[in-house]
Amino acid sequence: METLQQDTNIEKGDNLSEKVSWGRFALDIIETLALAAVLFFGINAVSARVRVDGFSMRPTLENREFVLVNKISYRFNEMERGDIIVFHFPFNPEEELIKRVIGLPGDRVMVENHQVYVNGQMLNEPYIAQAPIYTGEWTVLDGQLFVLGDNRNNSNDSKDWGLLPVENVIGKAILIYWPPPFWAVIEHTEVFVSQ
């Protein structure tokens, strides 16, 4: 009788231990999923990942490269000429484009004689594929930007569809992260207007 009672107590202890193990395992899974969700939403709140489609930013960015975008950059810093930005295309907000900021609100942008001028000053643009073969003049209104691709003659940009509303900007491109052989920090020219 005594042996039978000890065996029953051992079985109860094993069952209790097994329940505690499964309970701890379930709690670990819930904690891991919660942490993953917090990290996922936290990372997406401050950054975006965008694939470059096409050759409009060549030679700076190539087709099918993946770029990391800082979504909070312009909450703390002013946008500057020369910044490479990702934005929602004004005529199709589902489409995201990547271009270089050339004109800020109040600027007058002019393209003539294969050169780009901002407020009468010629831009020094070592990053472009080739000099522009088009001409035009644009005044950048408040709350708008003038953007161009670095592959000036093969880019669908502000010269074609007009000014970009600032609220369409997703963020500043900061890093090429794929494919691995092309990992690089994206250079932004701070002041590229020649004096």
Protein backbone atom coordinates (compact mmCIF):
# COMPACT_ATOMS: atom_id res chain seq x y z
CA MET A 1 0.00 0.00 0.00
CA GLU A 2 2.81 2.35 0.87
CA THR A 3 4.59 1.64 -2.46
CA LEU A 4 1.43 2.30 -4.44
CA GLN A 5 0.96 5.69 -2.77
CA GLN A 6 4.62 6.64 -3.47
CA ASP A 7 4.17 5.70 -7.15
CA THR A 8 1.02 7.85 -7.37
CA ASN A 9 2.86 10.81 -5.80
CA ILE A 10 5.76 10.35 -8.27
CA GLU A 11 3.30 10.33 -11.23
CA LYS A 12 1.62 13.50 -9.93
CA GLY A 13 5.01 15.15 -9.55
CA ASP A 14 5.98 14.15 -13.11
CA ASN A 15 2.68 15.47 -14.52
CA LEU A 16 3.09 18.75 -12.64
CA SER A 17 6.68 19.07 -13.85
CA GLU A 18 5.56 18.35 -17.44
CA LYS A 19 2.79 20.99 -17.22
CA VAL A 20 5.26 23.56 -15.88
CA SER A 21 7.70 22.76 -18.75
CA TRP A 22 4.98 23.16 -21.42
CA GLY A 23 3.71 26.34 -19.76
CA ARG A 24 7.23 27.81 -19.70
CA PHE A 25 7.75 26.79 -23.35
CA ALA A 26 4.49 28.50 -24.40
CA LEU A 27 5.44 31.62 -22.44
CA ASP A 28 8.87 31.68 -24.15
CA ILE A 29 7.21 31.49 -27.57
CA ILE A 30 4.79 34.32 -26.72
CA GLU A 31 7.66 36.50 -25.42
CA THR A 32 9.73 35.80 -28.57
CA LEU A 33 6.82 36.65 -30.88
CA ALA A 34 6.08 39.85 -28.93
CA LEU A 35 9.72 40.92 -29.10
CA ALA A 36 9.85 40.15 -32.84
CA ALA A 37 6.69 42.24 -33.41
CA VAL A 38 8.10 45.18 -31.41
CA LEU A 39 11.38 45.02 -33.36
CA PHE A 40 9.58 44.69 -36.71
CA PHE A 41 7.28 47.66 -36.12
CA GLY A 42 10.08 49.69 -34.51
CA ILE A 43 12.45 49.14 -37.42
CA ASN A 44 9.69 49.90 -39.96
CA ALA A 45 8.81 53.11 -38.12
CA VAL A 46 12.31 54.52 -38.63
CA SER A 47 13.44 52.86 -41.87
CA ALA A 48 12.29 51.41 -45.15
CA ARG A 49 13.86 49.05 -47.63
CA VAL A 50 13.46 49.92 -51.30
CA ARG A 51 14.54 48.18 -54.49
CA VAL A 52 15.90 50.36 -57.30
CA ASP A 53 13.97 49.58 -60.48
CA GLY A 54 15.54 50.96 -63.62
CA PHE A 55 18.56 53.04 -64.52
CA SER A 56 17.42 56.60 -63.72
CA MET A 57 19.96 57.00 -60.90
CA ARG A 58 22.93 55.49 -62.71
CA PRO A 59 25.87 55.67 -61.99
CA THR A 60 25.07 56.33 -58.30
CA LEU A 61 22.53 53.49 -58.01
CA GLU A 62 22.08 50.48 -60.25
CA ASN A 63 19.00 48.51 -61.25
CA ARG A 64 17.92 45.90 -58.66
CA GLU A 65 20.06 47.26 -55.83
CA PHE A 66 18.34 47.42 -52.45
CA VAL A 67 18.58 50.64 -50.48
CA LEU A 68 17.97 51.38 -46.80
CA VAL A 69 15.97 54.57 -46.25
CA ASN A 70 16.01 56.72 -43.10
CA LYS A 71 12.37 57.72 -42.58
CA ILE A 72 13.02 60.08 -39.66
CA SER A 73 15.98 61.99 -41.09
CA TYR A 74 13.92 65.05 -42.01
CA ARG A 75 12.26 65.29 -38.61
CA PHE A 76 15.63 66.39 -37.20
CA ASN A 77 17.45 67.82 -40.23
CA GLU A 78 16.56 70.09 -43.11
CA MET A 79 16.40 68.66 -46.61
CA GLU A 80 19.37 69.78 -48.71
CA ARG A 81 20.15 70.01 -52.39
CA GLY A 82 22.01 66.85 -53.32
CA ASP A 83 20.07 64.54 -50.96
CA ILE A 84 18.92 61.30 -52.54
CA ILE A 85 15.33 60.70 -51.47
CA VAL A 86 12.65 58.05 -51.84
CA PHE A 87 9.10 59.29 -52.36
CA HIS A 88 5.61 58.34 -53.47
CA PHE A 89 5.16 59.25 -57.14
CA PRO A 90 2.57 62.07 -57.25
CA PHE A 91 0.56 60.45 -60.07
CA ASN A 92 0.60 56.95 -58.55
CA PRO A 93 1.13 56.98 -54.76
CA GLU A 94 1.59 53.17 -54.76
CA GLU A 95 4.78 53.64 -56.79
CA GLU A 96 7.98 54.65 -54.98
CA LEU A 97 10.72 56.50 -56.84
CA ILE A 98 14.25 57.51 -55.91
CA LYS A 99 15.80 60.77 -57.16
CA ARG A 100 18.18 63.54 -56.15
CA VAL A 101 16.92 66.85 -54.72
CA ILE A 102 17.97 69.70 -56.99
CA GLY A 103 15.61 72.55 -56.08
CA LEU A 104 14.17 73.52 -52.70
CA PRO A 105 11.14 75.77 -52.10
CA GLY A 106 11.80 79.21 -53.54
CA ASP A 107 14.56 78.06 -55.92
CA ARG A 108 14.64 78.78 -59.63
CA VAL A 109 16.02 75.79 -61.58
CA MET A 110 17.20 76.25 -65.14
CA VAL A 111 18.72 73.75 -67.57
CA GLU A 112 20.52 75.18 -70.59
CA ASN A 113 23.73 74.58 -72.53
CA HIS A 114 24.00 71.07 -70.98
CA GLN A 115 24.23 72.52 -67.45
CA VAL A 116 21.87 72.76 -64.48
CA TYR A 117 21.64 76.09 -62.65
CA VAL A 118 19.97 76.82 -59.33
CA ASN A 119 19.28 80.50 -58.63
CA GLY A 120 21.72 81.43 -61.38
CA GLN A 121 24.59 79.30 -60.04
CA MET A 122 25.86 76.36 -62.08
CA LEU A 123 25.83 73.02 -60.28
CA ASN A 124 28.98 70.96 -59.96
CA GLU A 125 27.64 67.45 -60.62
CA PRO A 126 30.38 64.80 -60.74
CA TYR A 127 27.77 62.09 -60.03
CA ILE A 128 25.71 62.32 -63.26
CA ALA A 129 25.91 59.83 -66.13
CA GLN A 130 26.05 62.57 -68.78
CA ALA A 131 25.15 66.22 -69.20
CA PRO A 132 21.48 66.97 -69.86
CA ILE A 133 20.48 67.38 -73.50
CA TYR A 134 17.18 69.12 -72.68
CA THR A 135 16.38 72.67 -71.61
CA GLY A 136 13.80 74.21 -69.33
CA GLU A 137 13.11 76.50 -66.41
CA TRP A 138 11.12 75.82 -63.25
CA THR A 139 10.28 77.80 -60.11
CA VAL A 140 9.95 75.65 -57.00
CA LEU A 141 6.87 76.59 -54.99
CA ASP A 142 6.44 76.39 -51.21
CA GLY A 143 5.95 72.81 -50.02
CA GLN A 144 7.46 71.44 -53.25
CA LEU A 145 10.79 70.02 -54.47
CA PHE A 146 12.45 69.73 -57.86
CA VAL A 147 14.09 66.30 -58.27
CA LEU A 148 16.18 64.77 -61.05
CA GLY A 149 17.70 61.36 -61.64
CA ASP A 150 21.49 61.16 -61.96
CA ASN A 151 21.04 59.56 -65.38
CA ARG A 152 19.69 62.91 -66.57
CA ASN A 153 18.69 61.97 -70.10
CA ASN A 154 17.05 58.67 -69.13
CA SER A 155 15.07 59.61 -66.04
CA ASN A 156 11.37 60.27 -65.53
CA ASP A 157 11.55 63.12 -63.02
CA SER A 158 10.49 66.72 -62.29
CA LYS A 159 11.46 67.89 -65.77
CA ASP A 160 8.74 65.53 -67.08
CA TRP A 161 5.95 65.53 -64.49
CA GLY A 162 6.60 68.67 -62.44
CA LEU A 163 7.26 69.46 -58.81
CA LEU A 164 7.20 66.94 -55.99
CA PRO A 165 5.06 67.71 -52.90
CA VAL A 166 7.26 67.51 -49.79
CA GLU A 167 4.62 65.38 -48.03
CA ASN A 168 5.28 62.60 -50.58
CA VAL A 169 8.84 62.14 -49.29
CA ILE A 170 9.35 58.83 -47.47
CA GLY A 171 12.92 59.49 -46.39
CA LYS A 172 16.59 59.84 -47.21
CA ALA A 173 18.46 56.97 -48.90
CA ILE A 174 21.47 56.10 -46.74
CA LEU A 175 22.86 52.69 -47.64
CA ILE A 176 23.05 50.14 -50.46
CA TYR A 177 22.69 46.81 -48.67
CA TRP A 178 22.11 44.32 -51.50
CA PRO A 179 23.77 42.69 -53.35
CA PRO A 180 26.63 42.29 -50.84
CA PRO A 181 29.51 43.08 -53.24
CA PHE A 182 28.01 46.58 -53.69
CA TRP A 183 27.43 47.46 -50.03
CA ALA A 184 28.08 51.16 -49.66
CA VAL A 185 27.03 54.26 -47.78
CA ILE A 186 25.26 56.59 -50.20
CA GLU A 187 27.14 59.85 -50.60
CA HIS A 188 25.05 63.03 -50.37
CA THR A 189 26.70 66.18 -51.65
CA GLU A 190 26.09 68.82 -48.97
CA VAL A 191 26.65 71.91 -51.07
CA PHE A 192 27.16 71.31 -54.75
CA VAL A 193 26.47 74.79 -56.09
CA SER A 194 29.77 76.19 -57.40
CA GLN A 195 30.67 79.60 -56.00
